[in-house]
Amino acid sequence: MLQGGRIKLKGWQQAAVAVGSAFGALMDPRRADLIAALGETTGKPAFERVLERMKNNPEGRAMLLERPRVISANVGHAWDLPENTFGAAYARFMGSRNFSPDDRPPVRFMETEELAYVAMRAREVHDFWHTLFDLPTNLIGESALKVIEFRQMYLPMCLLSVIGGTARFNEKQRDLFFKHYLPWATRAGMECTDLMCIYYEQHFHEDLDVVRKRWGITPAPAPPK
């Protein structure tokens, strides 16, 4: 499933890809392929820790066994679910932005099939997290979500993304992020359950507020007026 596009890199090659990807991503944060490459080439220890946590969790083990993919063919039924459900909220989030779950770049630089799946899963659940934490997809929202992702997985790419994102803020955005969103995101990422061990697709039919409470998720507070 994930084997075909993977590339084995030597140490110096991995470092070169990481540096090149980091520079390119800072220059153009819209380059999802560069951000993905940066995450893979710098994130092996973090993904190994996530893998071990998944192996020790019932839903995590089920995902490793079944390897569900967040693609249109598998999540399209969310658009037909009742309005109050998590699945319907995800469908609204995607539809209102004309996003497709099929747009994520493939994993290319992880050494094993298991790690490749964990990296792909982390990439594909990103929009679930946007939905659950009620974060927009603007620069502030993406930076706040990267703080949560860092608290959950300790991926260096997440920290670098926050640094790169905040460097592009104007004075008003910077003040809003550091005073309002950063403290909330830091707490939210620590207080919620292990988000990589949730088999989200199996909870699509459940009430959004109920799953948020069960998983300890505090949605983003409204910005001060």
C-alpha atoms as a PDB file:
ATOM      1  CA  MET A   1       0.000   0.000   0.000  1.00  0.00           C
ATOM      2  CA  LEU A   2       2.751   2.446   0.936  1.00  0.00           C
ATOM      3  CA  GLN A   3       5.738   0.551  -0.392  1.00  0.00           C
ATOM      4  CA  GLY A   4       5.896   1.761  -3.986  1.00  0.00           C
ATOM      5  CA  GLY A   5       6.912   5.374  -3.517  1.00  0.00           C
ATOM      6  CA  ARG A   6       9.426   4.955  -0.703  1.00  0.00           C
ATOM      7  CA  ILE A   7      13.060   5.963  -1.195  1.00  0.00           C
ATOM      8  CA  LYS A   8      15.972   4.708   0.930  1.00  0.00           C
ATOM      9  CA  LEU A   9      18.394   7.483   1.875  1.00  0.00           C
ATOM     10  CA  LYS A  10      21.893   7.363   3.323  1.00  0.00           C
ATOM     11  CA  GLY A  11      22.645   9.566   6.319  1.00  0.00           C
ATOM     12  CA  TRP A  12      24.095  12.456   4.364  1.00  0.00           C
ATOM     13  CA  GLN A  13      21.281  12.268   1.825  1.00  0.00           C
ATOM     14  CA  GLN A  14      18.702  12.398   4.590  1.00  0.00           C
ATOM     15  CA  ALA A  15      20.409  15.453   6.065  1.00  0.00           C
ATOM     16  CA  ALA A  16      20.526  17.144   2.658  1.00  0.00           C
ATOM     17  CA  VAL A  17      16.819  16.513   2.048  1.00  0.00           C
ATOM     18  CA  ALA A  18      15.986  17.795   5.536  1.00  0.00           C
ATOM     19  CA  VAL A  19      17.959  21.017   5.097  1.00  0.00           C
ATOM     20  CA  GLY A  20      16.646  21.609   1.587  1.00  0.00           C
ATOM     21  CA  SER A  21      13.067  20.906   2.629  1.00  0.00           C
ATOM     22  CA  ALA A  22      13.326  23.169   5.675  1.00  0.00           C
ATOM     23  CA  PHE A  23      14.658  26.052   3.587  1.00  0.00           C
ATOM     24  CA  GLY A  24      12.062  25.552   0.866  1.00  0.00           C
ATOM     25  CA  ALA A  25       9.200  25.258   3.350  1.00  0.00           C
ATOM     26  CA  LEU A  26      10.236  28.466   5.088  1.00  0.00           C
ATOM     27  CA  MET A  27      10.280  30.241   1.748  1.00  0.00           C
ATOM     28  CA  ASP A  28       6.888  28.842   0.724  1.00  0.00           C
ATOM     29  CA  PRO A  29       4.796  27.326   3.555  1.00  0.00           C
ATOM     30  CA  ARG A  30       2.182  26.230   0.980  1.00  0.00           C
ATOM     31  CA  ARG A  31       4.544  23.516  -0.309  1.00  0.00           C
ATOM     32  CA  ALA A  32       2.957  20.482   1.364  1.00  0.00           C
ATOM     33  CA  ASP A  33       5.468  18.169  -0.325  1.00  0.00           C
ATOM     34  CA  LEU A  34       8.416  19.967   1.275  1.00  0.00           C
ATOM     35  CA  ILE A  35       6.781  20.056   4.694  1.00  0.00           C
ATOM     36  CA  ALA A  36       6.047  16.330   4.369  1.00  0.00           C
ATOM     37  CA  ALA A  37       9.665  15.568   3.398  1.00  0.00           C
ATOM     38  CA  LEU A  38      10.919  17.624   6.348  1.00  0.00           C
ATOM     39  CA  GLY A  39       8.640  15.720   8.709  1.00  0.00           C
ATOM     40  CA  GLU A  40       9.837  12.357   7.453  1.00  0.00           C
ATOM     41  CA  THR A  41      13.581  13.076   7.383  1.00  0.00           C
ATOM     42  CA  THR A  42      13.656  14.637  10.860  1.00  0.00           C
ATOM     43  CA  GLY A  43      10.858  12.680  12.543  1.00  0.00           C
ATOM     44  CA  LYS A  44      11.958   9.036  12.721  1.00  0.00           C
ATOM     45  CA  PRO A  45      12.478   8.961  16.535  1.00  0.00           C
ATOM     46  CA  ALA A  46       9.141  10.695  17.093  1.00  0.00           C
ATOM     47  CA  PHE A  47       7.300   8.323  14.756  1.00  0.00           C
ATOM     48  CA  GLU A  48       8.944   5.339  16.479  1.00  0.00           C
ATOM     49  CA  ARG A  49       7.568   6.553  19.820  1.00  0.00           C
ATOM     50  CA  VAL A  50       4.109   7.015  18.305  1.00  0.00           C
ATOM     51  CA  LEU A  51       4.303   3.500  16.849  1.00  0.00           C
ATOM     52  CA  GLU A  52       5.054   2.016  20.270  1.00  0.00           C
ATOM     53  CA  ARG A  53       2.147   3.919  21.817  1.00  0.00           C
ATOM     54  CA  MET A  54      -0.172   2.630  19.112  1.00  0.00           C
ATOM     55  CA  LYS A  55       0.981  -0.935  19.725  1.00  0.00           C
ATOM     56  CA  ASN A  56       0.042  -0.535  23.399  1.00  0.00           C
ATOM     57  CA  ASN A  57      -3.438   0.841  22.709  1.00  0.00           C
ATOM     58  CA  PRO A  58      -6.475  -1.199  21.533  1.00  0.00           C
ATOM     59  CA  GLU A  59      -7.565   1.267  18.846  1.00  0.00           C
ATOM     60  CA  GLY A  60      -3.946   1.876  17.901  1.00  0.00           C
ATOM     61  CA  ARG A  61      -3.357  -1.847  17.408  1.00  0.00           C
ATOM     62  CA  ALA A  62      -6.506  -2.110  15.302  1.00  0.00           C
ATOM     63  CA  MET A  63      -5.279   0.676  13.037  1.00  0.00           C
ATOM     64  CA  LEU A  64      -1.857  -0.920  12.642  1.00  0.00           C
ATOM     65  CA  LEU A  65      -3.557  -4.203  11.725  1.00  0.00           C
ATOM     66  CA  GLU A  66      -6.167  -2.772   9.333  1.00  0.00           C
ATOM     67  CA  ARG A  67      -4.212   0.295   8.155  1.00  0.00           C
ATOM     68  CA  PRO A  68      -7.221   2.471   7.313  1.00  0.00           C
ATOM     69  CA  ARG A  69      -6.587   5.331   4.906  1.00  0.00           C
ATOM     70  CA  VAL A  70      -8.326   8.710   5.061  1.00  0.00           C
ATOM     71  CA  ILE A  71      -9.324   8.863   1.410  1.00  0.00           C
ATOM     72  CA  SER A  72     -12.586   9.713  -0.330  1.00  0.00           C
ATOM     73  CA  ALA A  73     -13.528   6.077  -0.869  1.00  0.00           C
ATOM     74  CA  ASN A  74     -13.338   5.426   2.886  1.00  0.00           C
ATOM     75  CA  VAL A  75     -14.734   8.621   4.418  1.00  0.00           C
ATOM     76  CA  GLY A  76     -17.275   9.726   1.812  1.00  0.00           C
ATOM     77  CA  HIS A  77     -20.158   8.457   3.959  1.00  0.00           C
ATOM     78  CA  ALA A  78     -19.434  11.276   6.442  1.00  0.00           C
ATOM     79  CA  TRP A  79     -21.331  13.615   4.112  1.00  0.00           C
ATOM     80  CA  ASP A  80     -24.524  11.610   4.760  1.00  0.00           C
ATOM     81  CA  LEU A  81     -24.384  11.548   8.564  1.00  0.00           C
ATOM     82  CA  PRO A  82     -26.639  13.579  10.911  1.00  0.00           C
ATOM     83  CA  GLU A  83     -25.650  17.194  11.457  1.00  0.00           C
ATOM     84  CA  ASN A  84     -24.602  16.767  15.097  1.00  0.00           C
ATOM     85  CA  THR A  85     -22.077  14.006  14.434  1.00  0.00           C
ATOM     86  CA  PHE A  86     -18.304  14.197  14.290  1.00  0.00           C
ATOM     87  CA  GLY A  87     -18.387  12.820  10.736  1.00  0.00           C
ATOM     88  CA  ALA A  88     -20.791  15.529   9.554  1.00  0.00           C
ATOM     89  CA  ALA A  89     -18.632  18.235  11.178  1.00  0.00           C
ATOM     90  CA  TYR A  90     -15.611  16.850   9.325  1.00  0.00           C
ATOM     91  CA  ALA A  91     -17.583  16.844   6.065  1.00  0.00           C
ATOM     92  CA  ARG A  92     -18.600  20.485   6.623  1.00  0.00           C
ATOM     93  CA  PHE A  93     -15.005  21.445   7.335  1.00  0.00           C
ATOM     94  CA  MET A  94     -13.770  19.795   4.149  1.00  0.00           C
ATOM     95  CA  GLY A  95     -16.662  20.906   1.953  1.00  0.00           C
ATOM     96  CA  SER A  96     -16.596  24.541   3.022  1.00  0.00           C
ATOM     97  CA  ARG A  97     -12.957  24.754   1.949  1.00  0.00           C
ATOM     98  CA  ASN A  98     -13.249  22.559  -1.127  1.00  0.00           C
ATOM     99  CA  PHE A  99     -10.644  20.216   0.365  1.00  0.00           C
ATOM    100  CA  SER A 100     -10.216  16.600  -0.686  1.00  0.00           C
ATOM    101  CA  PRO A 101      -8.846  13.876   1.610  1.00  0.00           C
ATOM    102  CA  ASP A 102      -7.007  12.518  -1.423  1.00  0.00           C
ATOM    103  CA  ASP A 103      -4.669  15.520  -1.667  1.00  0.00           C
ATOM    104  CA  ARG A 104      -2.065  14.453   0.909  1.00  0.00           C
ATOM    105  CA  PRO A 105       1.422  13.761  -0.509  1.00  0.00           C
ATOM    106  CA  PRO A 106       2.692  10.172  -0.219  1.00  0.00           C
ATOM    107  CA  VAL A 107       5.267   9.019   2.331  1.00  0.00           C
ATOM    108  CA  ARG A 108       8.665   8.632   0.654  1.00  0.00           C
ATOM    109  CA  PHE A 109      11.460   8.532   3.219  1.00  0.00           C
ATOM    110  CA  MET A 110      10.458   6.226   6.079  1.00  0.00           C
ATOM    111  CA  GLU A 111      12.504   3.037   6.445  1.00  0.00           C
ATOM    112  CA  THR A 112       9.829   0.488   7.306  1.00  0.00           C
ATOM    113  CA  GLU A 113       6.260  -0.168   6.257  1.00  0.00           C
ATOM    114  CA  GLU A 114       5.027   0.335   9.830  1.00  0.00           C
ATOM    115  CA  LEU A 115       6.733   3.710  10.216  1.00  0.00           C
ATOM    116  CA  ALA A 116       5.528   4.740   6.768  1.00  0.00           C
ATOM    117  CA  TYR A 117       1.975   3.992   7.843  1.00  0.00           C
ATOM    118  CA  VAL A 118       2.341   5.951  11.096  1.00  0.00           C
ATOM    119  CA  ALA A 119       3.719   8.941   9.173  1.00  0.00           C
ATOM    120  CA  MET A 120       0.877   8.693   6.652  1.00  0.00           C
ATOM    121  CA  ARG A 121      -1.699   8.397   9.415  1.00  0.00           C
ATOM    122  CA  ALA A 122      -0.333  11.486  11.166  1.00  0.00           C
ATOM    123  CA  ARG A 123      -0.620  13.370   7.884  1.00  0.00           C
ATOM    124  CA  GLU A 124      -4.114  12.157   7.076  1.00  0.00           C
ATOM    125  CA  VAL A 125      -5.727  12.861  10.475  1.00  0.00           C
ATOM    126  CA  HIS A 126      -4.665  16.521  10.340  1.00  0.00           C
ATOM    127  CA  ASP A 127      -8.099  17.626   9.131  1.00  0.00           C
ATOM    128  CA  PHE A 128      -9.821  15.557  11.832  1.00  0.00           C
ATOM    129  CA  TRP A 129      -7.854  17.605  14.360  1.00  0.00           C
ATOM    130  CA  HIS A 130      -8.834  20.859  12.661  1.00  0.00           C
ATOM    131  CA  THR A 131     -12.462  19.775  13.050  1.00  0.00           C
ATOM    132  CA  LEU A 132     -12.188  18.637  16.660  1.00  0.00           C
ATOM    133  CA  PHE A 133     -10.283  21.705  17.852  1.00  0.00           C
ATOM    134  CA  ASP A 134     -12.382  24.048  15.676  1.00  0.00           C
ATOM    135  CA  LEU A 135      -9.333  25.711  14.152  1.00  0.00           C
ATOM    136  CA  PRO A 136      -9.373  27.620  10.866  1.00  0.00           C
ATOM    137  CA  THR A 137      -6.889  26.929   8.089  1.00  0.00           C
ATOM    138  CA  ASN A 138      -5.360  30.398   8.065  1.00  0.00           C
ATOM    139  CA  LEU A 139      -1.788  31.009   9.222  1.00  0.00           C
ATOM    140  CA  ILE A 140      -2.779  31.456  12.873  1.00  0.00           C
ATOM    141  CA  GLY A 141      -4.974  28.340  12.888  1.00  0.00           C
ATOM    142  CA  GLU A 142      -2.339  26.166  11.246  1.00  0.00           C
ATOM    143  CA  SER A 143       0.353  27.438  13.630  1.00  0.00           C
ATOM    144  CA  ALA A 144      -1.856  26.716  16.645  1.00  0.00           C
ATOM    145  CA  LEU A 145      -2.560  23.194  15.397  1.00  0.00           C
ATOM    146  CA  LYS A 146       1.163  22.616  14.879  1.00  0.00           C
ATOM    147  CA  VAL A 147       1.666  23.455  18.571  1.00  0.00           C
ATOM    148  CA  ILE A 148      -0.873  20.751  19.469  1.00  0.00           C
ATOM    149  CA  GLU A 149       0.789  18.303  17.068  1.00  0.00           C
ATOM    150  CA  PHE A 150       4.160  19.033  18.654  1.00  0.00           C
ATOM    151  CA  ARG A 151       2.793  18.405  22.150  1.00  0.00           C
ATOM    152  CA  GLN A 152       1.309  15.116  20.906  1.00  0.00           C
ATOM    153  CA  MET A 153       4.183  13.763  18.814  1.00  0.00           C
ATOM    154  CA  TYR A 154       7.247  15.969  19.393  1.00  0.00           C
ATOM    155  CA  LEU A 155       7.956  16.135  15.690  1.00  0.00           C
ATOM    156  CA  PRO A 156      10.721  18.686  14.969  1.00  0.00           C
ATOM    157  CA  MET A 157       8.836  19.672  11.815  1.00  0.00           C
ATOM    158  CA  CYS A 158       5.936  20.955  13.918  1.00  0.00           C
ATOM    159  CA  LEU A 159       8.197  23.258  15.912  1.00  0.00           C
ATOM    160  CA  LEU A 160       9.917  24.495  12.763  1.00  0.00           C
ATOM    161  CA  SER A 161       6.513  25.140  11.182  1.00  0.00           C
ATOM    162  CA  VAL A 162       5.464  27.249  14.166  1.00  0.00           C
ATOM    163  CA  ILE A 163       8.682  29.257  13.959  1.00  0.00           C
ATOM    164  CA  GLY A 164       8.258  29.735  10.219  1.00  0.00           C
ATOM    165  CA  GLY A 165       4.585  30.625  10.565  1.00  0.00           C
ATOM    166  CA  THR A 166       5.004  33.155  13.341  1.00  0.00           C
ATOM    167  CA  ALA A 167       7.829  34.827  11.415  1.00  0.00           C
ATOM    168  CA  ARG A 168       5.242  35.731   8.786  1.00  0.00           C
ATOM    169  CA  PHE A 169       2.744  37.250  11.215  1.00  0.00           C
ATOM    170  CA  ASN A 170       2.099  40.957  11.201  1.00  0.00           C
ATOM    171  CA  GLU A 171       2.184  42.723  14.574  1.00  0.00           C
ATOM    172  CA  LYS A 172      -1.527  42.199  15.260  1.00  0.00           C
ATOM    173  CA  GLN A 173      -1.395  38.499  14.338  1.00  0.00           C
ATOM    174  CA  ARG A 174       1.725  37.957  16.435  1.00  0.00           C
ATOM    175  CA  ASP A 175       0.112  39.558  19.481  1.00  0.00           C
ATOM    176  CA  LEU A 176      -3.059  37.469  19.015  1.00  0.00           C
ATOM    177  CA  PHE A 177      -1.145  34.228  18.583  1.00  0.00           C
ATOM    178  CA  PHE A 178       1.227  34.564  21.522  1.00  0.00           C
ATOM    179  CA  LYS A 179      -1.322  35.962  23.981  1.00  0.00           C
ATOM    180  CA  HIS A 180      -4.405  33.997  22.954  1.00  0.00           C
ATOM    181  CA  TYR A 181      -3.740  30.921  20.821  1.00  0.00           C
ATOM    182  CA  LEU A 182      -0.343  29.696  22.029  1.00  0.00           C
ATOM    183  CA  PRO A 183      -1.297  29.301  25.730  1.00  0.00           C
ATOM    184  CA  TRP A 184      -4.526  27.534  24.767  1.00  0.00           C
ATOM    185  CA  ALA A 185      -2.837  25.227  22.220  1.00  0.00           C
ATOM    186  CA  THR A 186      -0.093  24.273  24.668  1.00  0.00           C
ATOM    187  CA  ARG A 187      -2.664  23.283  27.295  1.00  0.00           C
ATOM    188  CA  ALA A 188      -4.983  21.612  24.781  1.00  0.00           C
ATOM    189  CA  GLY A 189      -2.209  19.437  23.371  1.00  0.00           C
ATOM    190  CA  MET A 190      -1.209  18.259  26.849  1.00  0.00           C
ATOM    191  CA  GLU A 191      -4.676  17.735  28.330  1.00  0.00           C
ATOM    192  CA  CYS A 192      -6.305  15.692  25.564  1.00  0.00           C
ATOM    193  CA  THR A 193      -5.942  11.964  25.031  1.00  0.00           C
ATOM    194  CA  ASP A 194      -3.325  10.415  22.742  1.00  0.00           C
ATOM    195  CA  LEU A 195      -4.744  11.606  19.427  1.00  0.00           C
ATOM    196  CA  MET A 196      -2.711   9.179  17.337  1.00  0.00           C
ATOM    197  CA  CYS A 197      -4.403   6.244  19.077  1.00  0.00           C
ATOM    198  CA  ILE A 198      -7.940   7.139  18.018  1.00  0.00           C
ATOM    199  CA  TYR A 199      -9.602   5.214  15.196  1.00  0.00           C
ATOM    200  CA  TYR A 200     -11.536   8.302  14.092  1.00  0.00           C
ATOM    201  CA  GLU A 201     -13.492   6.659  11.297  1.00  0.00           C
ATOM    202  CA  GLN A 202     -15.194   4.370  13.827  1.00  0.00           C
ATOM    203  CA  HIS A 203     -16.507   7.423  15.700  1.00  0.00           C
ATOM    204  CA  PHE A 204     -17.938   9.364  12.761  1.00  0.00           C
ATOM    205  CA  HIS A 205     -21.502   8.493  13.794  1.00  0.00           C
ATOM    206  CA  GLU A 206     -21.090   9.836  17.345  1.00  0.00           C
ATOM    207  CA  ASP A 207     -22.079  13.279  18.590  1.00  0.00           C
ATOM    208  CA  LEU A 208     -19.284  15.819  18.137  1.00  0.00           C
ATOM    209  CA  ASP A 209     -19.577  17.262  21.656  1.00  0.00           C
ATOM    210  CA  VAL A 210     -19.594  13.775  23.165  1.00  0.00           C
ATOM    211  CA  VAL A 211     -16.346  12.688  21.483  1.00  0.00           C
ATOM    212  CA  ARG A 212     -14.688  15.987  22.330  1.00  0.00           C
ATOM    213  CA  LYS A 213     -15.518  15.462  25.995  1.00  0.00           C
ATOM    214  CA  ARG A 214     -14.420  11.814  25.930  1.00  0.00           C
ATOM    215  CA  TRP A 215     -11.079  12.682  24.337  1.00  0.00           C
ATOM    216  CA  GLY A 216     -10.452  15.731  26.555  1.00  0.00           C
ATOM    217  CA  ILE A 217     -10.504  18.141  23.629  1.00  0.00           C
ATOM    218  CA  THR A 218     -11.080  21.829  24.305  1.00  0.00           C
ATOM    219  CA  PRO A 219     -12.028  23.701  21.100  1.00  0.00           C
ATOM    220  CA  ALA A 220     -10.194  26.910  20.312  1.00  0.00           C
ATOM    221  CA  PRO A 221     -11.660  29.887  22.191  1.00  0.00           C
ATOM    222  CA  ALA A 222     -13.069  32.758  20.192  1.00  0.00           C
ATOM    223  CA  PRO A 223     -10.492  35.535  19.691  1.00  0.00           C
ATOM    224  CA  PRO A 224     -10.978  38.582  21.919  1.00  0.00           C
ATOM    225  CA  LYS A 225     -12.886  41.491  20.391  1.00  0.00           C
END
